[in-house]
PDB file of N, CA and C in Angstrom:
ATOM      1  N   MET A   1     101.892  65.847 161.068  1.00  0.00           N
ATOM      2  CA  MET A   1     102.314  64.527 161.499  1.00  0.00           C
ATOM      3  C   MET A   1     101.139  63.669 161.945  1.00  0.00           C
ATOM      4  N   ASP A   2     100.109  64.290 162.565  1.00  0.00           N
ATOM      5  CA  ASP A   2      99.001  63.496 163.105  1.00  0.00           C
ATOM      6  C   ASP A   2      98.246  62.739 162.021  1.00  0.00           C
ATOM      7  N   ASP A   3      97.987  63.376 160.879  1.00  0.00           N
ATOM      8  CA  ASP A   3      97.199  62.700 159.854  1.00  0.00           C
ATOM      9  C   ASP A   3      98.046  62.185 158.692  1.00  0.00           C
ATOM     10  N   ASP A   4      99.340  62.475 158.677  1.00  0.00           N
ATOM     11  CA  ASP A   4     100.220  61.973 157.626  1.00  0.00           C
ATOM     12  C   ASP A   4     101.607  61.721 158.220  1.00  0.00           C
ATOM     13  N   PRO A   5     101.738  60.641 158.998  1.00  0.00           N
ATOM     14  CA  PRO A   5     102.998  60.411 159.703  1.00  0.00           C
ATOM     15  C   PRO A   5     104.208  60.266 158.776  1.00  0.00           C
ATOM     16  N   ASP A   6     103.995  59.805 157.554  1.00  0.00           N
ATOM     17  CA  ASP A   6     105.119  59.661 156.627  1.00  0.00           C
ATOM     18  C   ASP A   6     105.443  60.963 155.907  1.00  0.00           C
ATOM     19  N   GLN A   7     104.541  61.919 155.972  1.00  0.00           N
ATOM     20  CA  GLN A   7     104.679  63.220 155.314  1.00  0.00           C
ATOM     21  C   GLN A   7     105.138  63.064 153.864  1.00  0.00           C
ATOM     22  N   ARG A   8     104.428  62.219 153.144  1.00  0.00           N
ATOM     23  CA  ARG A   8     104.723  61.992 151.743  1.00  0.00           C
ATOM     24  C   ARG A   8     104.330  63.196 150.901  1.00  0.00           C
ATOM     25  N   ALA A   9     104.955  63.308 149.755  1.00  0.00           N
ATOM     26  CA  ALA A   9     104.621  64.327 148.765  1.00  0.00           C
ATOM     27  C   ALA A   9     104.396  63.588 147.439  1.00  0.00           C
ATOM     28  N   PRO A  10     103.184  63.022 147.247  1.00  0.00           N
ATOM     29  CA  PRO A  10     102.935  62.171 146.072  1.00  0.00           C
ATOM     30  C   PRO A  10     103.203  62.851 144.735  1.00  0.00           C
ATOM     31  N   GLY A  11     102.915  64.138 144.629  1.00  0.00           N
ATOM     32  CA  GLY A  11     103.186  64.832 143.366  1.00  0.00           C
ATOM     33  C   GLY A  11     104.667  64.873 143.057  1.00  0.00           C
ATOM     34  N   ARG A  12     105.472  65.195 144.056  1.00  0.00           N
ATOM     35  CA  ARG A  12     106.927  65.226 143.869  1.00  0.00           C
ATOM     36  C   ARG A  12     107.461  63.825 143.583  1.00  0.00           C
ATOM     37  N   GLU A  13     106.942  62.834 144.318  1.00  0.00           N
ATOM     38  CA  GLU A  13     107.388  61.455 144.103  1.00  0.00           C
ATOM     39  C   GLU A  13     107.089  61.000 142.675  1.00  0.00           C
ATOM     40  N   ALA A  14     105.914  61.335 142.189  1.00  0.00           N
ATOM     41  CA  ALA A  14     105.556  60.956 140.813  1.00  0.00           C
ATOM     42  C   ALA A  14     106.489  61.645 139.821  1.00  0.00           C
ATOM     43  N   LEU A  15     106.634  62.957 139.959  1.00  0.00           N
ATOM     44  CA  LEU A  15     107.484  63.705 139.032  1.00  0.00           C
ATOM     45  C   LEU A  15     108.910  63.158 139.045  1.00  0.00           C
ATOM     46  N   ASP A  16     109.446  62.883 140.218  1.00  0.00           N
ATOM     47  CA  ASP A  16     110.814  62.376 140.323  1.00  0.00           C
ATOM     48  C   ASP A  16     110.971  60.988 139.704  1.00  0.00           C
ATOM     49  N   SER A  17     109.874  60.245 139.558  1.00  0.00           N
ATOM     50  CA  SER A  17     109.941  58.897 138.993  1.00  0.00           C
ATOM     51  C   SER A  17     109.836  58.883 137.463  1.00  0.00           C
ATOM     52  N   TYR A  18     109.469  60.002 136.858  1.00  0.00           N
ATOM     53  CA  TYR A  18     109.270  60.059 135.416  1.00  0.00           C
ATOM     54  C   TYR A  18     110.622  60.117 134.696  1.00  0.00           C
ATOM     55  N   PRO A  19     110.660  59.730 133.416  1.00  0.00           N
ATOM     56  CA  PRO A  19     111.908  59.822 132.649  1.00  0.00           C
ATOM     57  C   PRO A  19     112.444  61.254 132.637  1.00  0.00           C
ATOM     58  N   ALA A  20     113.761  61.378 132.530  1.00  0.00           N
ATOM     59  CA  ALA A  20     114.427  62.686 132.636  1.00  0.00           C
ATOM     60  C   ALA A  20     113.840  63.733 131.690  1.00  0.00           C
ATOM     61  N   GLY A  21     113.597  63.373 130.444  1.00  0.00           N
ATOM     62  CA  GLY A  21     113.051  64.339 129.493  1.00  0.00           C
ATOM     63  C   GLY A  21     111.661  64.808 129.868  1.00  0.00           C
ATOM     64  N   VAL A  22     110.837  63.903 130.359  1.00  0.00           N
ATOM     65  CA  VAL A  22     109.482  64.245 130.805  1.00  0.00           C
ATOM     66  C   VAL A  22     109.568  65.165 132.027  1.00  0.00           C
ATOM     67  N   ARG A  23     110.438  64.813 132.967  1.00  0.00           N
ATOM     68  CA  ARG A  23     110.625  65.656 134.165  1.00  0.00           C
ATOM     69  C   ARG A  23     111.006  67.073 133.781  1.00  0.00           C
ATOM     70  N   ALA A  24     111.976  67.209 132.885  1.00  0.00           N
ATOM     71  CA  ALA A  24     112.453  68.538 132.491  1.00  0.00           C
ATOM     72  C   ALA A  24     111.341  69.356 131.850  1.00  0.00           C
ATOM     73  N   LYS A  25     110.575  68.750 130.954  1.00  0.00           N
ATOM     74  CA  LYS A  25     109.489  69.479 130.293  1.00  0.00           C
ATOM     75  C   LYS A  25     108.386  69.835 131.279  1.00  0.00           C
ATOM     76  N   MET A  26     108.074  68.924 132.197  1.00  0.00           N
ATOM     77  CA  MET A  26     107.031  69.211 133.183  1.00  0.00           C
ATOM     78  C   MET A  26     107.461  70.323 134.119  1.00  0.00           C
ATOM     79  N   ARG A  27     108.702  70.281 134.559  1.00  0.00           N
ATOM     80  CA  ARG A  27     109.187  71.358 135.445  1.00  0.00           C
ATOM     81  C   ARG A  27     109.146  72.702 134.725  1.00  0.00           C
ATOM     82  N   ALA A  28     109.530  72.726 133.458  1.00  0.00           N
ATOM     83  CA  ALA A  28     109.478  73.972 132.690  1.00  0.00           C
ATOM     84  C   ALA A  28     108.046  74.472 132.565  1.00  0.00           C
ATOM     85  N   ALA A  29     107.102  73.562 132.320  1.00  0.00           N
ATOM     86  CA  ALA A  29     105.691  73.954 132.230  1.00  0.00           C
ATOM     87  C   ALA A  29     105.201  74.497 133.565  1.00  0.00           C
ATOM     88  N   LEU A  30     105.577  73.862 134.668  1.00  0.00           N
ATOM     89  CA  LEU A  30     105.154  74.333 135.988  1.00  0.00           C
ATOM     90  C   LEU A  30     105.712  75.720 136.296  1.00  0.00           C
ATOM     91  N   VAL A  31     106.965  75.955 135.945  1.00  0.00           N
ATOM     92  CA  VAL A  31     107.563  77.277 136.155  1.00  0.00           C
ATOM     93  C   VAL A  31     106.825  78.318 135.325  1.00  0.00           C
ATOM     94  N   ALA A  32     106.514  77.996 134.087  1.00  0.00           N
ATOM     95  CA  ALA A  32     105.792  78.938 133.222  1.00  0.00           C
ATOM     96  C   ALA A  32     104.412  79.251 133.776  1.00  0.00           C
ATOM     97  N   VAL A  33     103.707  78.226 134.258  1.00  0.00           N
ATOM     98  CA  VAL A  33     102.376  78.444 134.843  1.00  0.00           C
ATOM     99  C   VAL A  33     102.490  79.306 136.092  1.00  0.00           C
ATOM    100  N   ALA A  34     103.439  78.980 136.959  1.00  0.00           N
ATOM    101  CA  ALA A  34     103.596  79.723 138.215  1.00  0.00           C
ATOM    102  C   ALA A  34     104.001  81.175 137.963  1.00  0.00           C
ATOM    103  N   SER A  35     104.673  81.437 136.862  1.00  0.00           N
ATOM    104  CA  SER A  35     105.132  82.792 136.539  1.00  0.00           C
ATOM    105  C   SER A  35     104.065  83.631 135.848  1.00  0.00           C
ATOM    106  N   ALA A  36     103.048  82.993 135.316  1.00  0.00           N
ATOM    107  CA  ALA A  36     102.002  83.698 134.566  1.00  0.00           C
ATOM    108  C   ALA A  36     100.962  84.273 135.528  1.00  0.00           C
ATOM    109  N   PRO A  37     100.193  85.246 135.060  1.00  0.00           N
ATOM    110  CA  PRO A  37      99.082  85.718 135.891  1.00  0.00           C
ATOM    111  C   PRO A  37      98.125  84.554 136.183  1.00  0.00           C
ATOM    112  N   PRO A  38      97.559  84.509 137.375  1.00  0.00           N
ATOM    113  CA  PRO A  38      96.662  83.399 137.727  1.00  0.00           C
ATOM    114  C   PRO A  38      95.554  83.187 136.698  1.00  0.00           C
ATOM    115  N   LYS A  39      95.331  81.929 136.380  1.00  0.00           N
ATOM    116  CA  LYS A  39      94.278  81.482 135.463  1.00  0.00           C
ATOM    117  C   LYS A  39      94.399  82.059 134.058  1.00  0.00           C
ATOM    118  N   ARG A  40      95.602  82.513 133.680  1.00  0.00           N
ATOM    119  CA  ARG A  40      95.757  83.102 132.359  1.00  0.00           C
ATOM    120  C   ARG A  40      96.829  82.398 131.541  1.00  0.00           C
ATOM    121  N   PHE A  41      97.162  81.203 131.875  1.00  0.00           N
ATOM    122  CA  PHE A  41      98.236  80.512 131.165  1.00  0.00           C
ATOM    123  C   PHE A  41      97.669  79.545 130.143  1.00  0.00           C
ATOM    124  N   ALA A  42      98.202  79.591 128.942  1.00  0.00           N
ATOM    125  CA  ALA A  42      97.847  78.620 127.903  1.00  0.00           C
ATOM    126  C   ALA A  42      99.138  77.927 127.494  1.00  0.00           C
ATOM    127  N   ALA A  43      99.185  76.621 127.645  1.00  0.00           N
ATOM    128  CA  ALA A  43     100.439  75.904 127.416  1.00  0.00           C
ATOM    129  C   ALA A  43     100.348  74.907 126.279  1.00  0.00           C
ATOM    130  N   GLY A  44      99.512  75.166 125.315  1.00  0.00           N
ATOM    131  CA  GLY A  44      99.469  74.311 124.149  1.00  0.00           C
ATOM    132  C   GLY A  44      99.231  72.847 124.445  1.00  0.00           C
ATOM    133  N   GLY A  45      98.329  72.561 125.368  1.00  0.00           N
ATOM    134  CA  GLY A  45      98.010  71.176 125.679  1.00  0.00           C
ATOM    135  C   GLY A  45      98.773  70.604 126.849  1.00  0.00           C
ATOM    136  N   TYR A  46      99.815  71.299 127.313  1.00  0.00           N
ATOM    137  CA  TYR A  46     100.559  70.799 128.473  1.00  0.00           C
ATOM    138  C   TYR A  46      99.828  71.083 129.784  1.00  0.00           C
ATOM    139  N   TRP A  47      99.107  72.173 129.856  1.00  0.00           N
ATOM    140  CA  TRP A  47      98.405  72.608 131.065  1.00  0.00           C
ATOM    141  C   TRP A  47      96.930  72.691 130.720  1.00  0.00           C
ATOM    142  N   GLU A  48      96.127  71.859 131.352  1.00  0.00           N
ATOM    143  CA  GLU A  48      94.707  71.795 131.004  1.00  0.00           C
ATOM    144  C   GLU A  48      93.850  71.881 132.260  1.00  0.00           C
ATOM    145  N   ALA A  49      92.783  72.684 132.186  1.00  0.00           N
ATOM    146  CA  ALA A  49      91.773  72.685 133.241  1.00  0.00           C
ATOM    147  C   ALA A  49      90.947  71.415 133.082  1.00  0.00           C
ATOM    148  N   MET A  50      90.650  70.770 134.195  1.00  0.00           N
ATOM    149  CA  MET A  50      89.894  69.520 134.147  1.00  0.00           C
ATOM    150  C   MET A  50      88.408  69.808 134.339  1.00  0.00           C
ATOM    151  N   LYS A  51      87.588  68.836 133.993  1.00  0.00           N
ATOM    152  CA  LYS A  51      86.131  69.010 134.028  1.00  0.00           C
ATOM    153  C   LYS A  51      85.486  67.919 134.876  1.00  0.00           C
ATOM    154  N   GLY A  52      84.174  68.026 135.001  1.00  0.00           N
ATOM    155  CA  GLY A  52      83.405  67.004 135.715  1.00  0.00           C
ATOM    156  C   GLY A  52      83.795  66.935 137.183  1.00  0.00           C
ATOM    157  N   GLU A  53      83.989  65.731 137.682  1.00  0.00           N
ATOM    158  CA  GLU A  53      84.337  65.551 139.093  1.00  0.00           C
ATOM    159  C   GLU A  53      85.701  66.141 139.434  1.00  0.00           C
ATOM    160  N   MET A  54      86.501  66.432 138.425  1.00  0.00           N
ATOM    161  CA  MET A  54      87.822  67.025 138.645  1.00  0.00           C
ATOM    162  C   MET A  54      87.803  68.539 138.393  1.00  0.00           C
ATOM    163  N   ASN A  55      86.619  69.125 138.341  1.00  0.00           N
ATOM    164  CA  ASN A  55      86.497  70.567 138.172  1.00  0.00           C
ATOM    165  C   ASN A  55      87.284  71.273 139.280  1.00  0.00           C
ATOM    166  N   GLY A  56      88.050  72.294 138.915  1.00  0.00           N
ATOM    167  CA  GLY A  56      88.883  73.005 139.875  1.00  0.00           C
ATOM    168  C   GLY A  56      90.317  72.489 139.897  1.00  0.00           C
ATOM    169  N   TRP A  57      90.539  71.381 139.250  1.00  0.00           N
ATOM    170  CA  TRP A  57      91.871  70.787 139.143  1.00  0.00           C
ATOM    171  C   TRP A  57      92.470  71.133 137.788  1.00  0.00           C
ATOM    172  N   PHE A  58      93.793  71.073 137.730  1.00  0.00           N
ATOM    173  CA  PHE A  58      94.518  71.276 136.489  1.00  0.00           C
ATOM    174  C   PHE A  58      95.450  70.088 136.297  1.00  0.00           C
ATOM    175  N   GLU A  59      95.776  69.832 135.039  1.00  0.00           N
ATOM    176  CA  GLU A  59      96.594  68.680 134.707  1.00  0.00           C
ATOM    177  C   GLU A  59      97.752  69.130 133.818  1.00  0.00           C
ATOM    178  N   VAL A  60      98.966  68.724 134.173  1.00  0.00           N
ATOM    179  CA  VAL A  60     100.116  68.875 133.288  1.00  0.00           C
ATOM    180  C   VAL A  60     100.250  67.548 132.570  1.00  0.00           C
ATOM    181  N   ARG A  61     100.247  67.593 131.241  1.00  0.00           N
ATOM    182  CA  ARG A  61     100.260  66.377 130.418  1.00  0.00           C
ATOM    183  C   ARG A  61     101.514  66.337 129.558  1.00  0.00           C
ATOM    184  N   MET A  62     102.187  65.203 129.591  1.00  0.00           N
ATOM    185  CA  MET A  62     103.341  65.001 128.721  1.00  0.00           C
ATOM    186  C   MET A  62     103.333  63.562 128.231  1.00  0.00           C
ATOM    187  N   ASP A  63     103.794  63.388 127.010  1.00  0.00           N
ATOM    188  CA  ASP A  63     104.015  62.051 126.483  1.00  0.00           C
ATOM    189  C   ASP A  63     105.496  61.755 126.587  1.00  0.00           C
ATOM    190  N   GLY A  64     105.787  60.513 126.922  1.00  0.00           N
ATOM    191  CA  GLY A  64     107.173  60.102 127.081  1.00  0.00           C
ATOM    192  C   GLY A  64     107.545  59.003 126.114  1.00  0.00           C
ATOM    193  N   PRO A  65     108.654  58.349 126.396  1.00  0.00           N
ATOM    194  CA  PRO A  65     109.119  57.270 125.523  1.00  0.00           C
ATOM    195  C   PRO A  65     108.049  56.200 125.336  1.00  0.00           C
ATOM    196  N   GLY A  66     107.973  55.669 124.124  1.00  0.00           N
ATOM    197  CA  GLY A  66     106.981  54.637 123.837  1.00  0.00           C
ATOM    198  C   GLY A  66     105.561  55.152 123.874  1.00  0.00           C
ATOM    199  N   ARG A  67     105.410  56.465 123.708  1.00  0.00           N
ATOM    200  CA  ARG A  67     104.096  57.115 123.741  1.00  0.00           C
ATOM    201  C   ARG A  67     103.372  56.871 125.060  1.00  0.00           C
ATOM    202  N   HIS A  68     104.126  56.674 126.113  1.00  0.00           N
ATOM    203  CA  HIS A  68     103.558  56.518 127.457  1.00  0.00           C
ATOM    204  C   HIS A  68     103.128  57.907 127.927  1.00  0.00           C
ATOM    205  N   HIS A  69     102.005  57.995 128.618  1.00  0.00           N
ATOM    206  CA  HIS A  69     101.455  59.284 129.064  1.00  0.00           C
ATOM    207  C   HIS A  69     101.768  59.528 130.536  1.00  0.00           C
ATOM    208  N   TYR A  70     102.172  60.754 130.838  1.00  0.00           N
ATOM    209  CA  TYR A  70     102.496  61.162 132.207  1.00  0.00           C
ATOM    210  C   TYR A  70     101.623  62.351 132.575  1.00  0.00           C
ATOM    211  N   ARG A  71     101.099  62.342 133.806  1.00  0.00           N
ATOM    212  CA  ARG A  71     100.185  63.387 134.255  1.00  0.00           C
ATOM    213  C   ARG A  71     100.569  63.859 135.662  1.00  0.00           C
ATOM    214  N   LEU A  72     100.459  65.165 135.885  1.00  0.00           N
ATOM    215  CA  LEU A  72     100.534  65.740 137.226  1.00  0.00           C
ATOM    216  C   LEU A  72      99.213  66.446 137.489  1.00  0.00           C
ATOM    217  N   PHE A  73      98.647  66.230 138.654  1.00  0.00           N
ATOM    218  CA  PHE A  73      97.375  66.844 139.036  1.00  0.00           C
ATOM    219  C   PHE A  73      97.661  67.980 140.008  1.00  0.00           C
ATOM    220  N   CYS A  74      97.194  69.168 139.636  1.00  0.00           N
ATOM    221  CA  CYS A  74      97.572  70.389 140.345  1.00  0.00           C
ATOM    222  C   CYS A  74      96.343  71.194 140.780  1.00  0.00           C
ATOM    223  N   LEU A  75      96.551  72.007 141.791  1.00  0.00           N
ATOM    224  CA  LEU A  75      95.557  72.970 142.258  1.00  0.00           C
ATOM    225  C   LEU A  75      96.180  74.352 142.256  1.00  0.00           C
ATOM    226  N   LEU A  76      95.369  75.359 142.017  1.00  0.00           N
ATOM    227  CA  LEU A  76      95.759  76.743 142.260  1.00  0.00           C
ATOM    228  C   LEU A  76      95.110  77.129 143.582  1.00  0.00           C
ATOM    229  N   ASP A  77      95.914  77.420 144.569  1.00  0.00           N
ATOM    230  CA  ASP A  77      95.432  77.660 145.924  1.00  0.00           C
ATOM    231  C   ASP A  77      95.408  79.159 146.210  1.00  0.00           C
ATOM    232  N   TYR A  78      94.210  79.721 146.238  1.00  0.00           N
ATOM    233  CA  TYR A  78      94.018  81.144 146.503  1.00  0.00           C
ATOM    234  C   TYR A  78      93.713  81.417 147.973  1.00  0.00           C
ATOM    235  N   GLU A  79      93.611  80.389 148.791  1.00  0.00           N
ATOM    236  CA  GLU A  79      93.194  80.551 150.182  1.00  0.00           C
ATOM    237  C   GLU A  79      94.300  80.260 151.185  1.00  0.00           C
ATOM    238  N   ALA A  80      95.516  80.050 150.738  1.00  0.00           N
ATOM    239  CA  ALA A  80      96.622  79.721 151.636  1.00  0.00           C
ATOM    240  C   ALA A  80      96.968  80.930 152.509  1.00  0.00           C
ATOM    241  N   LYS A  81      96.948  80.716 153.803  1.00  0.00           N
ATOM    242  CA  LYS A  81      97.314  81.783 154.741  1.00  0.00           C
ATOM    243  C   LYS A  81      98.815  82.041 154.651  1.00  0.00           C
ATOM    244  N   ASN A  82      99.188  83.281 154.937  1.00  0.00           N
ATOM    245  CA  ASN A  82     100.589  83.702 154.999  1.00  0.00           C
ATOM    246  C   ASN A  82     101.304  83.633 153.647  1.00  0.00           C
ATOM    247  N   GLU A  83     100.548  83.666 152.559  1.00  0.00           N
ATOM    248  CA  GLU A  83     101.143  83.656 151.224  1.00  0.00           C
ATOM    249  C   GLU A  83     100.720  84.920 150.492  1.00  0.00           C
ATOM    250  N   ASP A  84     101.658  85.541 149.780  1.00  0.00           N
ATOM    251  CA  ASP A  84     101.379  86.781 149.057  1.00  0.00           C
ATOM    252  C   ASP A  84     100.641  86.565 147.744  1.00  0.00           C
ATOM    253  N   LYS A  85     100.810  85.386 147.167  1.00  0.00           N
ATOM    254  CA  LYS A  85     100.165  85.102 145.891  1.00  0.00           C
ATOM    255  C   LYS A  85      99.669  83.664 145.908  1.00  0.00           C
ATOM    256  N   PRO A  86      98.808  83.316 144.959  1.00  0.00           N
ATOM    257  CA  PRO A  86      98.295  81.937 144.924  1.00  0.00           C
ATOM    258  C   PRO A  86      99.439  80.932 144.802  1.00  0.00           C
ATOM    259  N   LEU A  87      99.222  79.766 145.352  1.00  0.00           N
ATOM    260  CA  LEU A  87     100.196  78.686 145.254  1.00  0.00           C
ATOM    261  C   LEU A  87      99.818  77.746 144.116  1.00  0.00           C
ATOM    262  N   LEU A  88     100.796  77.318 143.361  1.00  0.00           N
ATOM    263  CA  LEU A  88     100.627  76.246 142.385  1.00  0.00           C
ATOM    264  C   LEU A  88     101.040  74.976 143.108  1.00  0.00           C
ATOM    265  N   VAL A  89     100.082  74.090 143.332  1.00  0.00           N
ATOM    266  CA  VAL A  89     100.314  72.904 144.146  1.00  0.00           C
ATOM    267  C   VAL A  89     100.257  71.659 143.266  1.00  0.00           C
ATOM    268  N   VAL A  90     101.344  70.907 143.241  1.00  0.00           N
ATOM    269  CA  VAL A  90     101.376  69.622 142.543  1.00  0.00           C
ATOM    270  C   VAL A  90     100.984  68.574 143.582  1.00  0.00           C
ATOM    271  N   VAL A  91      99.772  68.062 143.469  1.00  0.00           N
ATOM    272  CA  VAL A  91      99.213  67.176 144.488  1.00  0.00           C
ATOM    273  C   VAL A  91      99.583  65.723 144.236  1.00  0.00           C
ATOM    274  N   ASP A  92      99.486  65.269 142.999  1.00  0.00           N
ATOM    275  CA  ASP A  92      99.727  63.859 142.706  1.00  0.00           C
ATOM    276  C   ASP A  92     100.093  63.719 141.238  1.00  0.00           C
ATOM    277  N   GLY A  93     100.559  62.550 140.873  1.00  0.00           N
ATOM    278  CA  GLY A  93     100.883  62.256 139.491  1.00  0.00           C
ATOM    279  C   GLY A  93     100.548  60.816 139.170  1.00  0.00           C
ATOM    280  N   ARG A  94     100.258  60.574 137.923  1.00  0.00           N
ATOM    281  CA  ARG A  94      99.938  59.226 137.435  1.00  0.00           C
ATOM    282  C   ARG A  94     100.545  59.075 136.046  1.00  0.00           C
ATOM    283  N   ASP A  95     100.808  57.835 135.674  1.00  0.00           N
ATOM    284  CA  ASP A  95     101.220  57.569 134.307  1.00  0.00           C
ATOM    285  C   ASP A  95     100.427  56.382 133.794  1.00  0.00           C
ATOM    286  N   LYS A  96     100.361  56.306 132.475  1.00  0.00           N
ATOM    287  CA  LYS A  96      99.539  55.252 131.877  1.00  0.00           C
ATOM    288  C   LYS A  96     100.034  54.951 130.471  1.00  0.00           C
ATOM    289  N   PRO A  97      99.802  53.731 130.032  1.00  0.00           N
ATOM    290  CA  PRO A  97     100.170  53.385 128.658  1.00  0.00           C
ATOM    291  C   PRO A  97      99.330  54.161 127.643  1.00  0.00           C
ATOM    292  N   PHE A  98      99.851  54.231 126.443  1.00  0.00           N
ATOM    293  CA  PHE A  98      99.174  54.886 125.328  1.00  0.00           C
ATOM    294  C   PHE A  98      97.777  54.299 125.129  1.00  0.00           C
ATOM    295  N   ARG A  99      96.822  55.181 124.867  1.00  0.00           N
ATOM    296  CA  ARG A  99      95.421  54.829 124.584  1.00  0.00           C
ATOM    297  C   ARG A  99      94.730  54.073 125.714  1.00  0.00           C
ATOM    298  N   THR A 100      95.095  54.385 126.941  1.00  0.00           N
ATOM    299  CA  THR A 100      94.363  53.853 128.087  1.00  0.00           C
ATOM    300  C   THR A 100      93.855  55.035 128.886  1.00  0.00           C
ATOM    301  N   THR A 101      92.975  54.768 129.818  1.00  0.00           N
ATOM    302  CA  THR A 101      92.440  55.830 130.659  1.00  0.00           C
ATOM    303  C   THR A 101      92.724  55.511 132.117  1.00  0.00           C
ATOM    304  N   LEU A 102      92.764  56.556 132.909  1.00  0.00           N
ATOM    305  CA  LEU A 102      92.862  56.362 134.352  1.00  0.00           C
ATOM    306  C   LEU A 102      91.479  55.962 134.866  1.00  0.00           C
ATOM    307  N   SER A 103      91.454  55.221 135.935  1.00  0.00           N
ATOM    308  CA  SER A 103      90.189  54.741 136.486  1.00  0.00           C
ATOM    309  C   SER A 103      89.520  55.801 137.359  1.00  0.00           C
ATOM    310  N   ASP A 104      88.244  55.604 137.617  1.00  0.00           N
ATOM    311  CA  ASP A 104      87.531  56.478 138.552  1.00  0.00           C
ATOM    312  C   ASP A 104      88.209  56.433 139.919  1.00  0.00           C
ATOM    313  N   ALA A 105      88.727  55.266 140.302  1.00  0.00           N
ATOM    314  CA  ALA A 105      89.424  55.138 141.589  1.00  0.00           C
ATOM    315  C   ALA A 105      90.697  55.983 141.616  1.00  0.00           C
ATOM    316  N   ASP A 106      91.402  56.071 140.485  1.00  0.00           N
ATOM    317  CA  ASP A 106      92.595  56.925 140.416  1.00  0.00           C
ATOM    318  C   ASP A 106      92.219  58.382 140.663  1.00  0.00           C
ATOM    319  N   TYR A 107      91.181  58.847 139.980  1.00  0.00           N
ATOM    320  CA  TYR A 107      90.759  60.233 140.150  1.00  0.00           C
ATOM    321  C   TYR A 107      90.244  60.487 141.569  1.00  0.00           C
ATOM    322  N   ALA A 108      89.545  59.530 142.141  1.00  0.00           N
ATOM    323  CA  ALA A 108      89.058  59.672 143.525  1.00  0.00           C
ATOM    324  C   ALA A 108      90.232  59.779 144.493  1.00  0.00           C
ATOM    325  N   ALA A 109      91.287  59.008 144.259  1.00  0.00           N
ATOM    326  CA  ALA A 109      92.470  59.066 145.132  1.00  0.00           C
ATOM    327  C   ALA A 109      93.129  60.440 145.041  1.00  0.00           C
ATOM    328  N   VAL A 110      93.191  61.000 143.849  1.00  0.00           N
ATOM    329  CA  VAL A 110      93.758  62.338 143.675  1.00  0.00           C
ATOM    330  C   VAL A 110      92.915  63.362 144.442  1.00  0.00           C
ATOM    331  N   ARG A 111      91.596  63.276 144.295  1.00  0.00           N
ATOM    332  CA  ARG A 111      90.716  64.225 145.000  1.00  0.00           C
ATOM    333  C   ARG A 111      90.874  64.112 146.517  1.00  0.00           C
ATOM    334  N   ARG A 112      91.041  62.884 147.035  1.00  0.00           N
ATOM    335  CA  ARG A 112      91.242  62.706 148.485  1.00  0.00           C
ATOM    336  C   ARG A 112      92.523  63.399 148.946  1.00  0.00           C
ATOM    337  N   LEU A 113      93.570  63.331 148.143  1.00  0.00           N
ATOM    338  CA  LEU A 113      94.803  64.037 148.490  1.00  0.00           C
ATOM    339  C   LEU A 113      94.575  65.548 148.496  1.00  0.00           C
ATOM    340  N   GLY A 114      93.745  66.029 147.580  1.00  0.00           N
ATOM    341  CA  GLY A 114      93.413  67.455 147.575  1.00  0.00           C
ATOM    342  C   GLY A 114      92.679  67.866 148.834  1.00  0.00           C
ATOM    343  N   VAL A 115      91.766  67.024 149.304  1.00  0.00           N
ATOM    344  CA  VAL A 115      91.045  67.300 150.558  1.00  0.00           C
ATOM    345  C   VAL A 115      92.032  67.340 151.717  1.00  0.00           C
ATOM    346  N   GLU A 116      92.951  66.375 151.743  1.00  0.00           N
ATOM    347  CA  GLU A 116      93.961  66.344 152.810  1.00  0.00           C
ATOM    348  C   GLU A 116      94.799  67.623 152.796  1.00  0.00           C
ATOM    349  N   TYR A 117      95.219  68.052 151.617  1.00  0.00           N
ATOM    350  CA  TYR A 117      96.013  69.274 151.500  1.00  0.00           C
ATOM    351  C   TYR A 117      95.242  70.485 152.016  1.00  0.00           C
ATOM    352  N   ARG A 118      94.009  70.612 151.596  1.00  0.00           N
ATOM    353  CA  ARG A 118      93.225  71.807 151.927  1.00  0.00           C
ATOM    354  C   ARG A 118      92.804  71.886 153.388  1.00  0.00           C
ATOM    355  N   LYS A 119      92.799  70.784 154.116  1.00  0.00           N
ATOM    356  CA  LYS A 119      92.315  70.859 155.490  1.00  0.00           C
ATOM    357  C   LYS A 119      93.325  71.505 156.429  1.00  0.00           C
ATOM    358  N   ARG A 120      94.534  71.721 155.985  1.00  0.00           N
ATOM    359  CA  ARG A 120      95.516  72.452 156.800  1.00  0.00           C
ATOM    360  C   ARG A 120      95.668  73.865 156.253  1.00  0.00           C
ATOM    361  N   ASN A 121      95.586  74.838 157.129  1.00  0.00           N
ATOM    362  CA  ASN A 121      95.833  76.218 156.695  1.00  0.00           C
ATOM    363  C   ASN A 121      96.303  77.009 157.905  1.00  0.00           C
ATOM    364  N   PRO A 122      97.564  77.367 158.037  1.00  0.00           N
ATOM    365  CA  PRO A 122      98.536  77.451 156.967  1.00  0.00           C
ATOM    366  C   PRO A 122      98.813  76.082 156.354  1.00  0.00           C
ATOM    367  N   ARG A 123      99.134  76.125 155.074  1.00  0.00           N
ATOM    368  CA  ARG A 123      99.297  74.915 154.280  1.00  0.00           C
ATOM    369  C   ARG A 123     100.584  74.166 154.635  1.00  0.00           C
ATOM    370  N   SER A 124     100.532  72.878 154.382  1.00  0.00           N
ATOM    371  CA  SER A 124     101.714  72.044 154.464  1.00  0.00           C
ATOM    372  C   SER A 124     102.427  72.155 153.124  1.00  0.00           C
ATOM    373  N   VAL A 125     103.565  72.824 153.111  1.00  0.00           N
ATOM    374  CA  VAL A 125     104.289  73.086 151.866  1.00  0.00           C
ATOM    375  C   VAL A 125     105.648  72.405 151.948  1.00  0.00           C
ATOM    376  N   VAL A 126     105.968  71.661 150.891  1.00  0.00           N
ATOM    377  CA  VAL A 126     107.261  70.958 150.836  1.00  0.00           C
ATOM    378  C   VAL A 126     108.136  71.600 149.794  1.00  0.00           C
TER     379      VAL A 126
END
């Protein structure tokens, strides 16, 4: 409450705002990733390890109606106290029109949410 009085869950909010078909496919991909051995999931382009400044992050990618792109930014958390196995954490989500890119500011905002998540341990889990 001290550092996030609204206790928002941006990843959940993003996912809940996506079209129904995109939501269903993303949830299925997340379940498959969470059920697989850590770092051993290949989802045919739906689950991708990110590079560069987003190294350590993973992205769930889906295309929706009108070739609109939907993304969820995730972490695999191996350091969460009081957890028996790593956590698959959906930190944030973004969407964008076809053939556009997210800005550096978008990626920086996602990374800041990751820092906020990691500074609590035991983790804030919704």
